[in-house]
Each structure stands twice: as structure tokens, then as C-alpha cells.
Amino acid sequence: CVSAAIQRAEILPDVLGWPKSETTQPRLPEKFLVVCGSVNPITVRQLNYAEKHGFIRIQLTPEQKLNMEYFSEEDGKKWLDWFWDICSKNSKVIIDTNDPEGDNETERYAVEHNISRKEVRERIPSALGEIIGNMVQRGLKSSMLMTGGDTLLGCMHHLGDTELTPVGEYEIGIVLSQLVSNNNKTHVFTKSGGFGEETLLTDMAV
């Protein structure tokens, strides 16, 4: 299914009048990690469907999302080790910043700790970036789908010197890129929250 990501890119030279060259389809890892920083209802439905069809879903706690020191402390370091183990042993994993359905625990945590809404919007992608940056530096062998406006930027910030190269398009609005950082190479799909059918994640993981 991900071969469609390359097929759309192949027509760009004809459309734009560029010189044509041979396109080599990247060999993507079988493991698939979804990194969700979106609260869009369409994305939430995709997550719920995927969880019911074989994905391991990890939802971050308010402290993990909003305490900027959490992952530098002992509990946070142990959690990163645990999450690395999850990613290593499972082929389909979701890391999700949404609260459990019907709960608003992140908002309560923010109020209790005097964290403004602006800071909440900044801290959540930063936390995701710290987690995924740590996984990539350990040698993560998964292709990834990142959703949410600043999720990829948060990851690139924590990786430092990075190079992002577009490779193709899985479908309209879902772009595949190669992410290189300190000799670590992985492939990342990105999409905004409102794209895709309910079965998107399970379709991509086949």
C-alpha cells in the first residue's frame, strides 16, 4: 500500500516540466509507529479504529505532556526505556496526546500548575519531540506517521541537526519524507488531522 506514496511523486516531473530521473522506492520497515499530536475528531476515530484492530496505543499523562523536566528525571528515563521496549517488541504502536474519552485531565493539570493555553500548545509537541528524538537516537527501526501541526517540528528540534527530504505521497495530504539525523535514517509520513478514512492507519500498516 505504501508503494502509492512513490507513484504520485513520479508524475511531478511531467506536470512541472522537470528533467525526469529514475525513482527508487525506499524500503520501509515493517514496524509502524503513529505519533499523534492532533485532537481532530477524524484522527481520533482513526486511532480508536486502529486500537481495536491490533495497534498498541499509549496515551501520555498530563505530567508527561506538560512537565518540561519529566523526561530528564528518573521516572521519565525509566518510561523512555519502557517505551523503547514497546516499540522494539510490537509492529504497530500509537503514541497519543489525547486524554481518555470523556476526560479533560490535561486541562485540569494545566490550571493547577498555572500553564497557559499557549504554553500547552507549545509543550505537547515538545514532549512528543523529546520522546521520538530519543527513540530515533537509539536506532528506532519503524516508519512513522506524524499528525498534528507541530509534531514533526518538535521531533526535529530535539534531534538537532536534521535533514528532511520529501520522497512521495501516500495519498492526497499525506506526504512521505526521509528524515536523517546524525547518521540515523528513518521515513516519516505527515498529515494534518482532518485527512483520511477511519481505516487509514490499519491500511498503512499492512
N, C-alpha and C. Protein backbone atom coordinates (compact mmCIF):
# COMPACT_ATOMS: atom_id res chain seq x y z
N CYS A 1 0.81 -1.21 0.00
CA CYS A 1 0.00 0.00 0.00
C CYS A 1 0.84 1.26 0.00
N VAL A 2 2.00 1.24 0.70
CA VAL A 2 2.81 2.45 0.73
C VAL A 2 3.49 2.71 -0.61
N SER A 3 3.46 1.74 -1.53
CA SER A 3 4.04 1.99 -2.84
C SER A 3 3.34 3.13 -3.55
N ALA A 4 2.07 3.38 -3.19
CA ALA A 4 1.34 4.51 -3.76
C ALA A 4 2.00 5.83 -3.41
N ALA A 5 2.75 5.87 -2.33
CA ALA A 5 3.44 7.09 -1.92
C ALA A 5 4.43 7.53 -2.97
N ILE A 6 5.04 6.57 -3.64
CA ILE A 6 6.03 6.91 -4.65
C ILE A 6 5.38 7.21 -5.99
N GLN A 7 4.30 6.51 -6.30
CA GLN A 7 3.68 6.64 -7.61
C GLN A 7 3.23 8.06 -7.89
N ARG A 8 2.68 8.74 -6.88
CA ARG A 8 2.23 10.11 -7.10
C ARG A 8 3.40 11.04 -7.38
N ALA A 9 4.53 10.79 -6.71
CA ALA A 9 5.70 11.65 -6.92
C ALA A 9 6.25 11.50 -8.32
N GLU A 10 6.07 10.33 -8.92
CA GLU A 10 6.67 10.07 -10.22
C GLU A 10 6.08 10.94 -11.34
N ILE A 11 4.86 11.46 -11.16
CA ILE A 11 4.26 12.26 -12.23
C ILE A 11 4.65 13.73 -12.13
N LEU A 12 5.31 14.13 -11.04
CA LEU A 12 5.64 15.56 -10.86
C LEU A 12 6.54 16.11 -11.96
N PRO A 13 7.59 15.40 -12.41
CA PRO A 13 8.42 15.97 -13.49
C PRO A 13 7.63 16.31 -14.74
N ASP A 14 6.68 15.45 -15.13
CA ASP A 14 5.86 15.73 -16.31
C ASP A 14 5.00 16.96 -16.10
N VAL A 15 4.39 17.07 -14.93
CA VAL A 15 3.48 18.19 -14.65
C VAL A 15 4.24 19.50 -14.57
N LEU A 16 5.43 19.48 -13.96
CA LEU A 16 6.17 20.72 -13.71
C LEU A 16 7.25 21.00 -14.76
N GLY A 17 7.44 20.06 -15.69
CA GLY A 17 8.44 20.28 -16.73
C GLY A 17 9.86 20.06 -16.27
N TRP A 18 10.05 19.28 -15.21
CA TRP A 18 11.40 19.00 -14.71
C TRP A 18 12.02 17.85 -15.50
N PRO A 19 13.36 17.79 -15.54
CA PRO A 19 14.01 16.62 -16.15
C PRO A 19 13.64 15.36 -15.35
N LYS A 20 13.39 14.26 -16.04
CA LYS A 20 13.00 13.02 -15.37
C LYS A 20 14.23 12.22 -14.97
N SER A 21 14.15 11.56 -13.84
CA SER A 21 15.19 10.63 -13.40
C SER A 21 14.52 9.42 -12.79
N GLU A 22 15.27 8.34 -12.67
CA GLU A 22 14.71 7.12 -12.11
C GLU A 22 14.39 7.32 -10.63
N THR A 23 13.20 6.87 -10.22
CA THR A 23 12.79 6.97 -8.82
C THR A 23 12.94 5.60 -8.15
N THR A 24 13.69 5.57 -7.06
CA THR A 24 13.88 4.34 -6.32
C THR A 24 12.96 4.33 -5.11
N GLN A 25 12.12 3.33 -5.04
CA GLN A 25 11.19 3.25 -3.93
C GLN A 25 11.95 2.87 -2.66
N PRO A 26 11.81 3.63 -1.58
CA PRO A 26 12.52 3.29 -0.35
C PRO A 26 11.97 2.00 0.24
N ARG A 27 12.85 1.28 0.91
CA ARG A 27 12.45 0.06 1.59
C ARG A 27 12.04 0.45 3.01
N LEU A 28 10.75 0.40 3.29
CA LEU A 28 10.26 0.85 4.58
C LEU A 28 10.23 -0.30 5.58
N PRO A 29 10.56 -0.01 6.84
CA PRO A 29 10.49 -1.05 7.87
C PRO A 29 9.07 -1.58 8.02
N GLU A 30 8.96 -2.84 8.44
CA GLU A 30 7.64 -3.41 8.66
C GLU A 30 6.96 -2.79 9.88
N LYS A 31 7.75 -2.35 10.86
CA LYS A 31 7.16 -1.74 12.05
C LYS A 31 6.66 -0.34 11.73
N PHE A 32 5.56 0.04 12.39
CA PHE A 32 4.88 1.28 12.07
C PHE A 32 4.48 1.98 13.38
N LEU A 33 4.96 3.22 13.55
CA LEU A 33 4.70 4.00 14.76
C LEU A 33 3.90 5.23 14.40
N VAL A 34 2.74 5.39 15.01
CA VAL A 34 1.89 6.58 14.81
C VAL A 34 2.14 7.54 15.97
N VAL A 35 2.49 8.77 15.63
CA VAL A 35 2.79 9.80 16.63
C VAL A 35 1.72 10.87 16.50
N CYS A 36 0.78 10.89 17.44
CA CYS A 36 -0.40 11.75 17.30
C CYS A 36 -0.36 12.94 18.25
N GLY A 37 -0.32 14.13 17.67
CA GLY A 37 -0.45 15.36 18.43
C GLY A 37 -1.69 16.14 18.01
N SER A 38 -2.64 15.45 17.39
CA SER A 38 -3.85 16.09 16.86
C SER A 38 -5.07 15.71 17.70
N VAL A 39 -5.97 16.69 17.90
CA VAL A 39 -7.23 16.41 18.60
C VAL A 39 -8.40 16.36 17.61
N ASN A 40 -8.09 16.40 16.32
CA ASN A 40 -9.15 16.39 15.31
C ASN A 40 -10.01 15.13 15.44
N PRO A 41 -11.34 15.26 15.42
CA PRO A 41 -12.22 14.09 15.57
C PRO A 41 -11.97 13.00 14.54
N ILE A 42 -11.58 13.37 13.32
CA ILE A 42 -11.28 12.37 12.30
C ILE A 42 -10.08 11.52 12.71
N THR A 43 -9.05 12.19 13.20
CA THR A 43 -7.87 11.46 13.67
C THR A 43 -8.22 10.58 14.87
N VAL A 44 -9.01 11.10 15.79
CA VAL A 44 -9.40 10.31 16.97
C VAL A 44 -10.13 9.04 16.54
N ARG A 45 -11.02 9.14 15.55
CA ARG A 45 -11.71 7.95 15.06
C ARG A 45 -10.72 6.96 14.45
N GLN A 46 -9.72 7.47 13.74
CA GLN A 46 -8.70 6.60 13.16
C GLN A 46 -7.91 5.88 14.26
N LEU A 47 -7.60 6.59 15.32
CA LEU A 47 -6.88 5.98 16.44
C LEU A 47 -7.72 4.91 17.12
N ASN A 48 -8.98 5.22 17.36
CA ASN A 48 -9.87 4.25 18.01
C ASN A 48 -10.01 2.99 17.17
N TYR A 49 -10.15 3.16 15.86
CA TYR A 49 -10.29 2.01 14.97
C TYR A 49 -9.01 1.17 14.99
N ALA A 50 -7.87 1.85 14.90
CA ALA A 50 -6.60 1.13 14.88
C ALA A 50 -6.37 0.35 16.17
N GLU A 51 -6.74 0.97 17.30
CA GLU A 51 -6.57 0.29 18.59
C GLU A 51 -7.40 -0.99 18.65
N LYS A 52 -8.58 -0.97 18.03
CA LYS A 52 -9.45 -2.14 18.03
C LYS A 52 -8.97 -3.21 17.03
N HIS A 53 -8.00 -2.83 16.19
CA HIS A 53 -7.54 -3.75 15.15
C HIS A 53 -6.03 -3.97 15.21
N GLY A 54 -5.52 -4.14 16.43
CA GLY A 54 -4.17 -4.65 16.57
C GLY A 54 -3.08 -3.68 16.97
N PHE A 55 -3.36 -2.40 17.03
CA PHE A 55 -2.34 -1.44 17.44
C PHE A 55 -2.23 -1.38 18.97
N ILE A 56 -1.00 -1.24 19.48
CA ILE A 56 -0.76 -0.90 20.88
C ILE A 56 -0.86 0.61 20.99
N ARG A 57 -1.73 1.10 21.87
CA ARG A 57 -1.94 2.55 22.00
C ARG A 57 -1.49 3.04 23.37
N ILE A 58 -0.56 3.97 23.37
CA ILE A 58 -0.03 4.56 24.60
C ILE A 58 -0.49 6.02 24.66
N GLN A 59 -1.26 6.37 25.69
CA GLN A 59 -1.72 7.75 25.87
C GLN A 59 -0.90 8.42 26.96
N LEU A 60 -0.28 9.54 26.63
CA LEU A 60 0.57 10.24 27.58
C LEU A 60 -0.24 10.86 28.70
N THR A 61 0.34 10.89 29.88
CA THR A 61 -0.31 11.54 31.02
C THR A 61 -0.11 13.04 30.93
N PRO A 62 -0.92 13.83 31.65
CA PRO A 62 -0.71 15.27 31.65
C PRO A 62 0.71 15.66 32.08
N GLU A 63 1.26 14.99 33.07
CA GLU A 63 2.61 15.32 33.52
C GLU A 63 3.63 15.07 32.40
N GLN A 64 3.48 13.96 31.69
CA GLN A 64 4.40 13.67 30.59
C GLN A 64 4.30 14.70 29.48
N LYS A 65 3.11 15.23 29.26
CA LYS A 65 2.91 16.22 28.20
C LYS A 65 3.35 17.62 28.60
N LEU A 66 3.19 17.97 29.87
CA LEU A 66 3.31 19.38 30.27
C LEU A 66 4.44 19.70 31.24
N ASN A 67 5.01 18.69 31.89
CA ASN A 67 6.15 18.93 32.78
C ASN A 67 7.43 18.84 31.96
N MET A 68 8.05 19.97 31.69
CA MET A 68 9.20 20.03 30.80
C MET A 68 10.43 19.32 31.35
N GLU A 69 10.42 18.99 32.63
CA GLU A 69 11.56 18.30 33.23
C GLU A 69 11.34 16.80 33.33
N TYR A 70 10.15 16.33 32.99
CA TYR A 70 9.77 14.94 33.28
C TYR A 70 10.76 13.93 32.70
N PHE A 71 11.12 14.08 31.44
CA PHE A 71 11.94 13.05 30.79
C PHE A 71 13.43 13.15 31.13
N SER A 72 13.81 14.16 31.88
CA SER A 72 15.18 14.24 32.38
C SER A 72 15.29 13.71 33.80
N GLU A 73 14.15 13.39 34.42
CA GLU A 73 14.13 12.84 35.77
C GLU A 73 14.06 11.32 35.72
N GLU A 74 14.23 10.67 36.87
CA GLU A 74 14.35 9.22 36.92
C GLU A 74 13.12 8.51 36.37
N ASP A 75 11.92 8.96 36.77
CA ASP A 75 10.70 8.32 36.28
C ASP A 75 10.58 8.44 34.76
N GLY A 76 10.93 9.60 34.24
CA GLY A 76 10.86 9.82 32.80
C GLY A 76 11.85 8.96 32.04
N LYS A 77 13.06 8.81 32.57
CA LYS A 77 14.07 7.97 31.92
C LYS A 77 13.62 6.51 31.90
N LYS A 78 13.02 6.07 33.00
CA LYS A 78 12.51 4.69 33.05
C LYS A 78 11.37 4.51 32.04
N TRP A 79 10.53 5.54 31.91
CA TRP A 79 9.42 5.45 30.95
C TRP A 79 9.96 5.35 29.53
N LEU A 80 10.99 6.13 29.21
CA LEU A 80 11.59 6.07 27.87
C LEU A 80 12.15 4.67 27.58
N ASP A 81 12.78 4.06 28.59
CA ASP A 81 13.26 2.68 28.43
C ASP A 81 12.10 1.73 28.17
N TRP A 82 11.01 1.93 28.91
CA TRP A 82 9.82 1.09 28.75
C TRP A 82 9.21 1.27 27.36
N PHE A 83 9.13 2.51 26.90
CA PHE A 83 8.54 2.77 25.58
C PHE A 83 9.43 2.21 24.48
N TRP A 84 10.73 2.28 24.65
CA TRP A 84 11.64 1.68 23.68
C TRP A 84 11.38 0.18 23.58
N ASP A 85 11.15 -0.45 24.71
CA ASP A 85 10.85 -1.88 24.72
C ASP A 85 9.54 -2.18 23.98
N ILE A 86 8.53 -1.32 24.19
CA ILE A 86 7.25 -1.47 23.48
C ILE A 86 7.46 -1.37 21.97
N CYS A 87 8.21 -0.37 21.54
CA CYS A 87 8.44 -0.17 20.10
C CYS A 87 9.28 -1.29 19.50
N SER A 88 10.17 -1.86 20.30
CA SER A 88 11.04 -2.92 19.81
C SER A 88 10.30 -4.23 19.63
N LYS A 89 9.30 -4.48 20.49
CA LYS A 89 8.63 -5.78 20.51
C LYS A 89 7.30 -5.81 19.77
N ASN A 90 6.80 -4.66 19.34
CA ASN A 90 5.49 -4.60 18.68
C ASN A 90 5.60 -3.93 17.32
N SER A 91 4.85 -4.43 16.35
CA SER A 91 4.96 -3.93 14.98
C SER A 91 4.07 -2.71 14.72
N LYS A 92 3.03 -2.51 15.53
CA LYS A 92 2.09 -1.40 15.29
C LYS A 92 1.81 -0.70 16.61
N VAL A 93 2.32 0.53 16.75
CA VAL A 93 2.24 1.26 18.02
C VAL A 93 1.73 2.67 17.76
N ILE A 94 0.92 3.16 18.68
CA ILE A 94 0.45 4.55 18.67
C ILE A 94 0.91 5.22 19.95
N ILE A 95 1.47 6.43 19.83
CA ILE A 95 1.68 7.28 20.99
C ILE A 95 0.78 8.50 20.80
N ASP A 96 -0.08 8.75 21.79
CA ASP A 96 -1.22 9.65 21.62
C ASP A 96 -1.25 10.69 22.74
N THR A 97 -1.46 11.95 22.36
CA THR A 97 -1.52 13.01 23.37
C THR A 97 -2.95 13.37 23.77
N ASN A 98 -3.94 12.67 23.21
CA ASN A 98 -5.33 12.92 23.61
C ASN A 98 -5.62 12.31 24.98
N ASP A 99 -6.46 12.97 25.76
CA ASP A 99 -6.92 12.40 27.02
C ASP A 99 -7.87 11.24 26.73
N PRO A 100 -8.03 10.31 27.69
CA PRO A 100 -9.07 9.29 27.54
C PRO A 100 -10.42 9.94 27.27
N GLU A 101 -11.25 9.26 26.49
CA GLU A 101 -12.54 9.83 26.08
C GLU A 101 -13.37 10.23 27.29
N GLY A 102 -13.92 11.45 27.23
CA GLY A 102 -14.77 11.95 28.30
C GLY A 102 -14.02 12.59 29.45
N ASP A 103 -12.69 12.69 29.34
CA ASP A 103 -11.89 13.26 30.42
C ASP A 103 -11.20 14.53 29.91
N ASN A 104 -10.91 15.44 30.83
CA ASN A 104 -10.16 16.64 30.47
C ASN A 104 -9.03 16.85 31.47
N GLU A 105 -8.32 15.75 31.79
CA GLU A 105 -7.29 15.79 32.83
C GLU A 105 -6.12 16.70 32.47
N THR A 106 -5.82 16.84 31.19
CA THR A 106 -4.73 17.73 30.80
C THR A 106 -5.08 19.19 31.10
N GLU A 107 -6.31 19.56 30.82
CA GLU A 107 -6.75 20.92 31.13
C GLU A 107 -6.70 21.18 32.64
N ARG A 108 -7.14 20.21 33.44
CA ARG A 108 -7.10 20.38 34.89
C ARG A 108 -5.65 20.52 35.38
N TYR A 109 -4.75 19.72 34.83
CA TYR A 109 -3.35 19.79 35.22
C TYR A 109 -2.77 21.16 34.88
N ALA A 110 -3.11 21.67 33.70
CA ALA A 110 -2.61 22.97 33.27
C ALA A 110 -3.10 24.08 34.21
N VAL A 111 -4.37 24.03 34.59
CA VAL A 111 -4.92 25.04 35.51
C VAL A 111 -4.23 24.95 36.86
N GLU A 112 -4.06 23.73 37.37
CA GLU A 112 -3.44 23.54 38.69
C GLU A 112 -2.00 24.02 38.72
N HIS A 113 -1.33 23.98 37.59
CA HIS A 113 0.09 24.36 37.53
C HIS A 113 0.32 25.68 36.81
N ASN A 114 -0.76 26.45 36.63
CA ASN A 114 -0.67 27.78 36.03
C ASN A 114 0.02 27.76 34.66
N ILE A 115 -0.35 26.80 33.83
CA ILE A 115 0.20 26.70 32.48
C ILE A 115 -0.84 27.25 31.50
N SER A 116 -0.48 28.26 30.76
CA SER A 116 -1.42 28.91 29.85
C SER A 116 -1.74 28.00 28.66
N ARG A 117 -2.82 28.31 27.96
CA ARG A 117 -3.18 27.52 26.77
C ARG A 117 -2.09 27.60 25.71
N LYS A 118 -1.48 28.76 25.58
CA LYS A 118 -0.39 28.92 24.62
C LYS A 118 0.76 27.98 24.98
N GLU A 119 1.09 27.92 26.26
CA GLU A 119 2.17 27.04 26.70
C GLU A 119 1.80 25.57 26.49
N VAL A 120 0.53 25.23 26.72
CA VAL A 120 0.08 23.85 26.48
C VAL A 120 0.33 23.47 25.02
N ARG A 121 -0.03 24.37 24.10
CA ARG A 121 0.14 24.10 22.67
C ARG A 121 1.62 23.96 22.30
N GLU A 122 2.50 24.61 23.05
CA GLU A 122 3.93 24.51 22.77
C GLU A 122 4.57 23.29 23.44
N ARG A 123 4.10 22.97 24.65
CA ARG A 123 4.74 21.90 25.40
C ARG A 123 4.42 20.51 24.88
N ILE A 124 3.21 20.32 24.37
CA ILE A 124 2.83 18.97 23.92
C ILE A 124 3.69 18.50 22.74
N PRO A 125 3.85 19.28 21.66
CA PRO A 125 4.73 18.80 20.59
C PRO A 125 6.19 18.70 21.03
N SER A 126 6.58 19.53 22.00
CA SER A 126 7.94 19.44 22.52
C SER A 126 8.15 18.11 23.24
N ALA A 127 7.16 17.69 24.03
CA ALA A 127 7.25 16.41 24.73
C ALA A 127 7.31 15.25 23.73
N LEU A 128 6.44 15.29 22.71
CA LEU A 128 6.49 14.26 21.67
C LEU A 128 7.85 14.25 20.99
N GLY A 129 8.36 15.44 20.71
CA GLY A 129 9.67 15.53 20.06
C GLY A 129 10.77 14.92 20.90
N GLU A 130 10.70 15.13 22.22
CA GLU A 130 11.72 14.57 23.10
C GLU A 130 11.64 13.04 23.10
N ILE A 131 10.43 12.51 23.12
CA ILE A 131 10.25 11.05 23.12
C ILE A 131 10.75 10.45 21.81
N ILE A 132 10.26 10.98 20.68
CA ILE A 132 10.61 10.39 19.39
C ILE A 132 12.08 10.64 19.06
N GLY A 133 12.59 11.81 19.44
CA GLY A 133 14.02 12.06 19.25
C GLY A 133 14.86 11.04 19.98
N ASN A 134 14.45 10.70 21.19
CA ASN A 134 15.16 9.69 21.98
C ASN A 134 15.10 8.33 21.30
N MET A 135 13.92 7.98 20.76
CA MET A 135 13.78 6.69 20.09
C MET A 135 14.65 6.63 18.83
N VAL A 136 14.66 7.70 18.04
CA VAL A 136 15.46 7.74 16.82
C VAL A 136 16.94 7.62 17.16
N GLN A 137 17.38 8.31 18.19
CA GLN A 137 18.79 8.26 18.59
C GLN A 137 19.18 6.86 19.07
N ARG A 138 18.23 6.11 19.58
CA ARG A 138 18.51 4.73 19.99
C ARG A 138 18.55 3.77 18.80
N GLY A 139 18.11 4.24 17.64
CA GLY A 139 18.12 3.39 16.45
C GLY A 139 16.78 2.81 16.10
N LEU A 140 15.72 3.57 16.30
CA LEU A 140 14.36 3.12 16.02
C LEU A 140 14.24 2.55 14.61
N LYS A 141 13.70 1.33 14.49
CA LYS A 141 13.51 0.68 13.20
C LYS A 141 12.02 0.64 12.85
N SER A 142 11.41 1.79 12.74
CA SER A 142 10.00 1.90 12.38
C SER A 142 9.83 3.04 11.39
N SER A 143 8.92 2.86 10.45
CA SER A 143 8.44 4.03 9.72
C SER A 143 7.41 4.71 10.61
N MET A 144 7.22 6.00 10.42
CA MET A 144 6.34 6.75 11.32
C MET A 144 5.32 7.56 10.55
N LEU A 145 4.17 7.74 11.17
CA LEU A 145 3.18 8.71 10.71
C LEU A 145 3.03 9.74 11.82
N MET A 146 3.27 11.00 11.50
CA MET A 146 3.12 12.07 12.48
C MET A 146 1.94 12.94 12.08
N THR A 147 1.06 13.19 13.03
CA THR A 147 -0.09 14.03 12.76
C THR A 147 -0.21 15.08 13.84
N GLY A 148 -0.61 16.29 13.44
CA GLY A 148 -0.62 17.43 14.35
C GLY A 148 0.40 18.44 13.85
N GLY A 149 0.00 19.71 13.81
CA GLY A 149 0.78 20.74 13.14
C GLY A 149 2.25 20.83 13.51
N ASP A 150 2.58 20.75 14.81
CA ASP A 150 3.95 20.98 15.24
C ASP A 150 4.67 19.70 15.66
N THR A 151 4.07 18.55 15.42
CA THR A 151 4.65 17.30 15.90
C THR A 151 6.01 17.03 15.26
N LEU A 152 6.09 17.12 13.94
CA LEU A 152 7.36 16.89 13.26
C LEU A 152 8.40 17.93 13.66
N LEU A 153 7.99 19.19 13.78
CA LEU A 153 8.93 20.24 14.17
C LEU A 153 9.49 19.97 15.57
N GLY A 154 8.64 19.50 16.46
CA GLY A 154 9.10 19.17 17.81
C GLY A 154 10.15 18.07 17.77
N CYS A 155 9.93 17.07 16.94
CA CYS A 155 10.90 15.98 16.80
C CYS A 155 12.22 16.49 16.23
N MET A 156 12.16 17.29 15.17
CA MET A 156 13.37 17.80 14.54
C MET A 156 14.15 18.70 15.49
N HIS A 157 13.43 19.47 16.31
CA HIS A 157 14.10 20.34 17.28
C HIS A 157 14.93 19.52 18.26
N HIS A 158 14.38 18.42 18.75
CA HIS A 158 15.11 17.62 19.74
C HIS A 158 16.21 16.78 19.12
N LEU A 159 16.11 16.49 17.82
CA LEU A 159 17.17 15.74 17.15
C LEU A 159 18.35 16.63 16.80
N GLY A 160 18.14 17.93 16.72
CA GLY A 160 19.22 18.85 16.39
C GLY A 160 19.42 18.97 14.90
N ASP A 161 20.63 18.65 14.44
CA ASP A 161 20.99 18.81 13.03
C ASP A 161 20.30 17.74 12.21
N THR A 162 19.24 18.10 11.50
CA THR A 162 18.45 17.12 10.75
C THR A 162 18.27 17.57 9.30
N GLU A 163 18.00 16.60 8.45
CA GLU A 163 17.70 16.87 7.05
C GLU A 163 16.43 16.12 6.68
N LEU A 164 15.45 16.84 6.17
CA LEU A 164 14.16 16.25 5.79
C LEU A 164 13.98 16.38 4.28
N THR A 165 13.80 15.24 3.61
CA THR A 165 13.69 15.22 2.15
C THR A 165 12.38 14.57 1.74
N PRO A 166 11.47 15.29 1.07
CA PRO A 166 10.23 14.66 0.58
C PRO A 166 10.54 13.55 -0.41
N VAL A 167 9.81 12.44 -0.30
CA VAL A 167 10.03 11.28 -1.16
C VAL A 167 8.82 11.02 -2.05
N GLY A 168 7.62 11.18 -1.51
CA GLY A 168 6.42 10.89 -2.28
C GLY A 168 5.18 11.21 -1.49
N GLU A 169 4.06 10.70 -1.95
CA GLU A 169 2.77 10.99 -1.34
C GLU A 169 1.96 9.70 -1.25
N TYR A 170 1.55 9.31 -0.03
CA TYR A 170 0.74 8.10 0.15
C TYR A 170 -0.63 8.30 -0.48
N GLU A 171 -1.25 9.40 -0.15
CA GLU A 171 -2.47 9.87 -0.80
C GLU A 171 -2.53 11.36 -0.58
N ILE A 172 -3.53 12.03 -1.15
CA ILE A 172 -3.59 13.48 -1.06
C ILE A 172 -3.55 13.92 0.41
N GLY A 173 -2.59 14.77 0.73
CA GLY A 173 -2.49 15.30 2.08
C GLY A 173 -1.62 14.48 3.02
N ILE A 174 -1.06 13.35 2.54
CA ILE A 174 -0.21 12.50 3.38
C ILE A 174 1.12 12.31 2.67
N VAL A 175 2.14 13.01 3.14
CA VAL A 175 3.43 13.08 2.46
C VAL A 175 4.45 12.17 3.15
N LEU A 176 5.25 11.48 2.35
CA LEU A 176 6.34 10.65 2.86
C LEU A 176 7.66 11.38 2.68
N SER A 177 8.44 11.47 3.76
CA SER A 177 9.75 12.13 3.70
C SER A 177 10.80 11.24 4.36
N GLN A 178 12.04 11.47 3.99
CA GLN A 178 13.16 10.81 4.65
C GLN A 178 13.75 11.78 5.67
N LEU A 179 13.92 11.32 6.90
CA LEU A 179 14.47 12.14 7.98
C LEU A 179 15.84 11.58 8.36
N VAL A 180 16.87 12.40 8.22
CA VAL A 180 18.24 11.98 8.53
C VAL A 180 18.78 12.85 9.64
N SER A 181 19.34 12.21 10.68
CA SER A 181 19.92 12.93 11.80
C SER A 181 21.07 12.12 12.39
N ASN A 182 22.28 12.71 12.37
CA ASN A 182 23.45 12.04 12.97
C ASN A 182 23.58 10.58 12.50
N ASN A 183 23.48 10.40 11.20
CA ASN A 183 23.61 9.08 10.57
C ASN A 183 22.43 8.13 10.86
N ASN A 184 21.42 8.61 11.58
CA ASN A 184 20.19 7.84 11.75
C ASN A 184 19.22 8.23 10.65
N LYS A 185 18.66 7.23 9.97
CA LYS A 185 17.76 7.50 8.86
C LYS A 185 16.42 6.79 9.11
N THR A 186 15.33 7.52 8.95
CA THR A 186 14.01 6.92 9.06
C THR A 186 13.08 7.59 8.07
N HIS A 187 11.93 6.97 7.83
CA HIS A 187 10.95 7.55 6.92
C HIS A 187 9.71 7.96 7.70
N VAL A 188 9.23 9.16 7.39
CA VAL A 188 8.15 9.77 8.15
C VAL A 188 7.03 10.19 7.21
N PHE A 189 5.83 9.71 7.48
CA PHE A 189 4.64 10.24 6.84
C PHE A 189 4.10 11.37 7.70
N THR A 190 3.61 12.43 7.09
CA THR A 190 2.99 13.52 7.83
C THR A 190 1.62 13.81 7.24
N LYS A 191 0.69 14.16 8.11
CA LYS A 191 -0.64 14.55 7.65
C LYS A 191 -1.26 15.49 8.67
N SER A 192 -2.19 16.31 8.21
CA SER A 192 -2.97 17.12 9.13
C SER A 192 -4.11 16.25 9.66
N GLY A 193 -4.71 16.67 10.77
CA GLY A 193 -5.68 15.83 11.46
C GLY A 193 -6.91 15.46 10.66
N GLY A 194 -7.33 16.31 9.72
CA GLY A 194 -8.60 16.09 9.04
C GLY A 194 -8.57 15.18 7.84
N PHE A 195 -7.42 14.59 7.51
CA PHE A 195 -7.31 13.76 6.32
C PHE A 195 -7.51 12.28 6.63
N GLY A 196 -8.09 11.55 5.68
CA GLY A 196 -8.09 10.10 5.73
C GLY A 196 -9.37 9.46 6.22
N GLU A 197 -9.59 8.23 5.76
CA GLU A 197 -10.73 7.44 6.19
C GLU A 197 -10.46 6.84 7.56
N GLU A 198 -11.50 6.29 8.17
CA GLU A 198 -11.38 5.71 9.51
C GLU A 198 -10.33 4.60 9.55
N THR A 199 -10.19 3.87 8.44
CA THR A 199 -9.28 2.73 8.38
C THR A 199 -7.86 3.11 7.97
N LEU A 200 -7.54 4.39 7.88
CA LEU A 200 -6.27 4.83 7.32
C LEU A 200 -5.07 4.16 7.98
N LEU A 201 -5.02 4.15 9.30
CA LEU A 201 -3.83 3.64 9.99
C LEU A 201 -3.64 2.15 9.76
N THR A 202 -4.73 1.41 9.82
CA THR A 202 -4.60 -0.03 9.56
C THR A 202 -4.26 -0.30 8.11
N ASP A 203 -4.77 0.51 7.20
CA ASP A 203 -4.45 0.36 5.78
C ASP A 203 -2.94 0.60 5.55
N MET A 204 -2.40 1.62 6.19
CA MET A 204 -0.99 1.97 6.00
C MET A 204 -0.07 0.95 6.63
N ALA A 205 -0.53 0.27 7.67
CA ALA A 205 0.32 -0.68 8.40
C ALA A 205 0.38 -2.04 7.74
N VAL A 206 -0.42 -2.28 6.70
CA VAL A 206 -0.44 -3.59 6.04
C VAL A 206 0.91 -3.85 5.34
